[in-house]
Amino acid sequence: MKGTAPVRVQGPDEPILGRLLREAGLDEPPLWKSRPPETKARMARWKELGKVRNGPVNPDRTEITDVAAATESFKQRALDLGATVVGVARLTPIMVAEGVEISHEFIFGLVVGENYEASLGGAALDRDRIHQHLCARCRDFDRAGPSCPPNGL
């Protein structure tokens, strides 16, 4: 299967976020600096695991006779390593980077949750300022006229 998904950059290199950060004179969103210790530890662990993610494939293939049991075992391993939610999906071209060709039929998808309430405790939020900023951005993108999210984010 050949991928069709344009690759999007993440973080400060993402065009819209990067522009907003530059306008505010920031190098990263303040929320990123106030992550609780358990989230930082989990992120560090995933970064460490990433170093071996693209390693060599074991040449001694294991025959899987019970796909359902193997799937549950893999999902449990991901949960044990810190994933919050794990699932399996049939792979489609939009899930693969444009121009990349792979032979996989299914993928494991996972989410690592973050305690945003704990993060919000670290960075002070000025709700009125955020509301005004969102309204200005909505007007930038709404050609039909001004629109604004309701106050009380």
C-alpha atoms as a PDB file:
ATOM      1  CA  MET A   1       0.000   0.000   0.000  1.00  0.00           C
ATOM      2  CA  LYS A   2       1.309   3.419  -0.946  1.00  0.00           C
ATOM      3  CA  GLY A   3       0.646   6.305   1.430  1.00  0.00           C
ATOM      4  CA  THR A   4      -1.309   9.407   0.469  1.00  0.00           C
ATOM      5  CA  ALA A   5      -1.137  11.531   3.645  1.00  0.00           C
ATOM      6  CA  PRO A   6       0.764  14.820   3.487  1.00  0.00           C
ATOM      7  CA  VAL A   7       3.131  14.904   6.450  1.00  0.00           C
ATOM      8  CA  ARG A   8       2.441  17.683   8.935  1.00  0.00           C
ATOM      9  CA  VAL A   9       5.104  18.993  11.245  1.00  0.00           C
ATOM     10  CA  GLN A  10       4.361  19.226  14.944  1.00  0.00           C
ATOM     11  CA  GLY A  11       5.233  21.681  17.703  1.00  0.00           C
ATOM     12  CA  PRO A  12       6.763  25.115  17.051  1.00  0.00           C
ATOM     13  CA  ASP A  13       7.621  24.125  13.461  1.00  0.00           C
ATOM     14  CA  GLU A  14       3.890  23.818  12.661  1.00  0.00           C
ATOM     15  CA  PRO A  15       3.106  27.018  10.707  1.00  0.00           C
ATOM     16  CA  ILE A  16       0.113  28.340  12.677  1.00  0.00           C
ATOM     17  CA  LEU A  17       1.449  27.460  16.132  1.00  0.00           C
ATOM     18  CA  GLY A  18       4.887  28.764  15.145  1.00  0.00           C
ATOM     19  CA  ARG A  19       3.428  32.101  14.026  1.00  0.00           C
ATOM     20  CA  LEU A  20       1.393  32.477  17.219  1.00  0.00           C
ATOM     21  CA  LEU A  21       4.439  31.690  19.360  1.00  0.00           C
ATOM     22  CA  ARG A  22       6.604  34.216  17.487  1.00  0.00           C
ATOM     23  CA  GLU A  23       3.881  36.882  17.821  1.00  0.00           C
ATOM     24  CA  ALA A  24       3.773  36.254  21.570  1.00  0.00           C
ATOM     25  CA  GLY A  25       7.573  36.133  21.904  1.00  0.00           C
ATOM     26  CA  LEU A  26       7.508  32.533  23.159  1.00  0.00           C
ATOM     27  CA  ASP A  27       9.634  29.518  22.289  1.00  0.00           C
ATOM     28  CA  GLU A  28       6.937  27.008  23.295  1.00  0.00           C
ATOM     29  CA  PRO A  29       3.370  27.080  24.643  1.00  0.00           C
ATOM     30  CA  PRO A  30       3.396  27.860  28.392  1.00  0.00           C
ATOM     31  CA  LEU A  31       1.238  24.807  29.022  1.00  0.00           C
ATOM     32  CA  TRP A  32       4.103  22.576  27.859  1.00  0.00           C
ATOM     33  CA  LYS A  33       6.315  23.861  30.696  1.00  0.00           C
ATOM     34  CA  SER A  34       3.824  22.971  33.413  1.00  0.00           C
ATOM     35  CA  ARG A  35       3.367  19.257  32.824  1.00  0.00           C
ATOM     36  CA  PRO A  36       3.221  17.226  36.039  1.00  0.00           C
ATOM     37  CA  PRO A  37       6.176  14.955  36.925  1.00  0.00           C
ATOM     38  CA  GLU A  38       4.323  11.736  36.057  1.00  0.00           C
ATOM     39  CA  THR A  39       3.588  13.044  32.555  1.00  0.00           C
ATOM     40  CA  LYS A  40       7.222  14.114  32.082  1.00  0.00           C
ATOM     41  CA  ALA A  41       8.385  10.662  33.228  1.00  0.00           C
ATOM     42  CA  ARG A  42       5.989   8.900  30.855  1.00  0.00           C
ATOM     43  CA  MET A  43       7.104  11.099  27.935  1.00  0.00           C
ATOM     44  CA  ALA A  44      10.762  10.393  28.724  1.00  0.00           C
ATOM     45  CA  ARG A  45      10.032   6.659  28.774  1.00  0.00           C
ATOM     46  CA  TRP A  46       8.331   6.794  25.355  1.00  0.00           C
ATOM     47  CA  LYS A  47      11.278   8.801  23.981  1.00  0.00           C
ATOM     48  CA  GLU A  48      13.669   6.110  25.220  1.00  0.00           C
ATOM     49  CA  LEU A  49      11.552   3.374  23.629  1.00  0.00           C
ATOM     50  CA  GLY A  50      11.642   5.318  20.358  1.00  0.00           C
ATOM     51  CA  LYS A  51      15.385   4.667  20.082  1.00  0.00           C
ATOM     52  CA  VAL A  52      14.723   0.958  19.488  1.00  0.00           C
ATOM     53  CA  ARG A  53      11.450   1.329  17.568  1.00  0.00           C
ATOM     54  CA  ASN A  54      13.130   1.198  14.168  1.00  0.00           C
ATOM     55  CA  GLY A  55      15.581  -1.552  15.033  1.00  0.00           C
ATOM     56  CA  PRO A  56      16.058  -4.763  13.110  1.00  0.00           C
ATOM     57  CA  VAL A  57      13.148  -7.172  12.840  1.00  0.00           C
ATOM     58  CA  ASN A  58      13.685 -10.529  14.505  1.00  0.00           C
ATOM     59  CA  PRO A  59      14.436 -12.979  11.660  1.00  0.00           C
ATOM     60  CA  ASP A  60      12.952 -15.865  13.690  1.00  0.00           C
ATOM     61  CA  ARG A  61       9.269 -15.292  12.956  1.00  0.00           C
ATOM     62  CA  THR A  62       6.725 -16.458  15.506  1.00  0.00           C
ATOM     63  CA  GLU A  63       3.694 -18.178  14.075  1.00  0.00           C
ATOM     64  CA  ILE A  64       0.508 -16.664  15.481  1.00  0.00           C
ATOM     65  CA  THR A  65      -2.207 -19.271  15.700  1.00  0.00           C
ATOM     66  CA  ASP A  66      -4.676 -17.254  17.786  1.00  0.00           C
ATOM     67  CA  VAL A  67      -4.891 -13.743  16.335  1.00  0.00           C
ATOM     68  CA  ALA A  68      -7.384 -12.519  18.946  1.00  0.00           C
ATOM     69  CA  ALA A  69      -5.195 -13.669  21.857  1.00  0.00           C
ATOM     70  CA  ALA A  70      -2.051 -12.200  20.288  1.00  0.00           C
ATOM     71  CA  THR A  71      -3.848  -8.897  19.670  1.00  0.00           C
ATOM     72  CA  GLU A  72      -4.983  -8.704  23.299  1.00  0.00           C
ATOM     73  CA  SER A  73      -1.444  -9.536  24.434  1.00  0.00           C
ATOM     74  CA  PHE A  74       0.044  -6.740  22.292  1.00  0.00           C
ATOM     75  CA  LYS A  75      -2.584  -4.277  23.500  1.00  0.00           C
ATOM     76  CA  GLN A  76      -1.874  -5.189  27.118  1.00  0.00           C
ATOM     77  CA  ARG A  77       1.873  -4.694  26.549  1.00  0.00           C
ATOM     78  CA  ALA A  78       1.197  -1.172  25.236  1.00  0.00           C
ATOM     79  CA  LEU A  79      -0.983  -0.422  28.275  1.00  0.00           C
ATOM     80  CA  ASP A  80       1.775  -1.747  30.556  1.00  0.00           C
ATOM     81  CA  LEU A  81       4.253   0.600  28.852  1.00  0.00           C
ATOM     82  CA  GLY A  82       2.055   3.619  29.626  1.00  0.00           C
ATOM     83  CA  ALA A  83      -0.563   3.874  26.896  1.00  0.00           C
ATOM     84  CA  THR A  84      -3.987   5.035  28.054  1.00  0.00           C
ATOM     85  CA  VAL A  85      -6.007   3.603  25.158  1.00  0.00           C
ATOM     86  CA  VAL A  86      -4.975   1.036  22.527  1.00  0.00           C
ATOM     87  CA  GLY A  87      -6.833  -0.151  19.440  1.00  0.00           C
ATOM     88  CA  VAL A  88      -6.383  -1.982  16.156  1.00  0.00           C
ATOM     89  CA  ALA A  89      -7.487  -0.729  12.739  1.00  0.00           C
ATOM     90  CA  ARG A  90      -7.244  -1.804   9.124  1.00  0.00           C
ATOM     91  CA  LEU A  91      -4.564   0.341   7.495  1.00  0.00           C
ATOM     92  CA  THR A  92      -5.658   2.725   4.734  1.00  0.00           C
ATOM     93  CA  PRO A  93      -3.504   4.906   2.425  1.00  0.00           C
ATOM     94  CA  ILE A  94      -4.407   8.117   4.294  1.00  0.00           C
ATOM     95  CA  MET A  95      -2.742   6.655   7.417  1.00  0.00           C
ATOM     96  CA  VAL A  96       0.638   6.396   5.651  1.00  0.00           C
ATOM     97  CA  ALA A  97       2.929   9.280   4.704  1.00  0.00           C
ATOM     98  CA  GLU A  98       2.701  10.334   1.081  1.00  0.00           C
ATOM     99  CA  GLY A  99       5.008   8.278  -1.128  1.00  0.00           C
ATOM    100  CA  VAL A 100       5.843   5.684   1.546  1.00  0.00           C
ATOM    101  CA  GLU A 101       5.019   2.107   0.629  1.00  0.00           C
ATOM    102  CA  ILE A 102       4.396  -0.583   3.259  1.00  0.00           C
ATOM    103  CA  SER A 103       2.932  -4.063   3.268  1.00  0.00           C
ATOM    104  CA  HIS A 104       1.117  -3.995   6.613  1.00  0.00           C
ATOM    105  CA  GLU A 105      -2.602  -4.727   6.694  1.00  0.00           C
ATOM    106  CA  PHE A 106      -3.392  -3.566  10.251  1.00  0.00           C
ATOM    107  CA  ILE A 107      -2.012  -1.030  12.710  1.00  0.00           C
ATOM    108  CA  PHE A 108      -2.033  -0.610  16.459  1.00  0.00           C
ATOM    109  CA  GLY A 109      -3.042   2.886  17.470  1.00  0.00           C
ATOM    110  CA  LEU A 110      -2.493   4.221  20.956  1.00  0.00           C
ATOM    111  CA  VAL A 111      -2.994   7.331  23.023  1.00  0.00           C
ATOM    112  CA  VAL A 112      -0.922   8.396  25.990  1.00  0.00           C
ATOM    113  CA  GLY A 113      -3.174  10.526  28.169  1.00  0.00           C
ATOM    114  CA  GLU A 114      -2.067  13.727  29.809  1.00  0.00           C
ATOM    115  CA  ASN A 115      -3.531  15.166  32.978  1.00  0.00           C
ATOM    116  CA  TYR A 116      -4.500  18.581  31.640  1.00  0.00           C
ATOM    117  CA  GLU A 117      -6.057  19.668  34.934  1.00  0.00           C
ATOM    118  CA  ALA A 118      -2.659  19.304  36.596  1.00  0.00           C
ATOM    119  CA  SER A 119      -1.030  21.148  33.694  1.00  0.00           C
ATOM    120  CA  LEU A 120      -3.539  23.979  33.918  1.00  0.00           C
ATOM    121  CA  GLY A 121      -2.570  24.500  37.546  1.00  0.00           C
ATOM    122  CA  GLY A 122       0.923  25.545  36.456  1.00  0.00           C
ATOM    123  CA  ALA A 123       0.205  28.106  33.778  1.00  0.00           C
ATOM    124  CA  ALA A 124      -2.120  30.973  34.617  1.00  0.00           C
ATOM    125  CA  LEU A 125      -4.864  31.414  32.034  1.00  0.00           C
ATOM    126  CA  ASP A 126      -6.321  34.823  31.284  1.00  0.00           C
ATOM    127  CA  ARG A 127      -9.701  33.707  29.926  1.00  0.00           C
ATOM    128  CA  ASP A 128     -10.693  37.173  28.684  1.00  0.00           C
ATOM    129  CA  ARG A 129      -7.445  37.554  26.751  1.00  0.00           C
ATOM    130  CA  ILE A 130      -7.787  34.079  25.255  1.00  0.00           C
ATOM    131  CA  HIS A 131     -11.417  34.824  24.303  1.00  0.00           C
ATOM    132  CA  GLN A 132     -10.420  38.080  22.574  1.00  0.00           C
ATOM    133  CA  HIS A 133      -7.607  36.283  20.750  1.00  0.00           C
ATOM    134  CA  LEU A 134      -9.943  33.501  19.575  1.00  0.00           C
ATOM    135  CA  CYS A 135     -12.490  36.038  18.345  1.00  0.00           C
ATOM    136  CA  ALA A 136      -9.797  37.846  16.353  1.00  0.00           C
ATOM    137  CA  ARG A 137      -8.614  34.559  14.835  1.00  0.00           C
ATOM    138  CA  CYS A 138     -12.200  33.529  13.993  1.00  0.00           C
ATOM    139  CA  ARG A 139     -12.711  36.818  12.158  1.00  0.00           C
ATOM    140  CA  ASP A 140      -9.447  36.208  10.268  1.00  0.00           C
ATOM    141  CA  PHE A 141     -10.766  32.903   8.935  1.00  0.00           C
ATOM    142  CA  ASP A 142     -14.496  33.651   8.617  1.00  0.00           C
ATOM    143  CA  ARG A 143     -15.061  35.461   5.314  1.00  0.00           C
ATOM    144  CA  ALA A 144     -18.825  35.670   5.864  1.00  0.00           C
ATOM    145  CA  GLY A 145     -18.373  38.142   8.703  1.00  0.00           C
ATOM    146  CA  PRO A 146     -17.433  38.205  12.356  1.00  0.00           C
ATOM    147  CA  SER A 147     -18.020  35.099  14.372  1.00  0.00           C
ATOM    148  CA  CYS A 148     -16.913  34.353  17.858  1.00  0.00           C
ATOM    149  CA  PRO A 149     -17.007  31.412  20.233  1.00  0.00           C
ATOM    150  CA  PRO A 150     -19.310  32.003  23.192  1.00  0.00           C
ATOM    151  CA  ASN A 151     -17.712  33.654  26.204  1.00  0.00           C
ATOM    152  CA  GLY A 152     -16.955  31.255  29.028  1.00  0.00           C
ATOM    153  CA  LEU A 153     -14.490  29.004  27.186  1.00  0.00           C
END
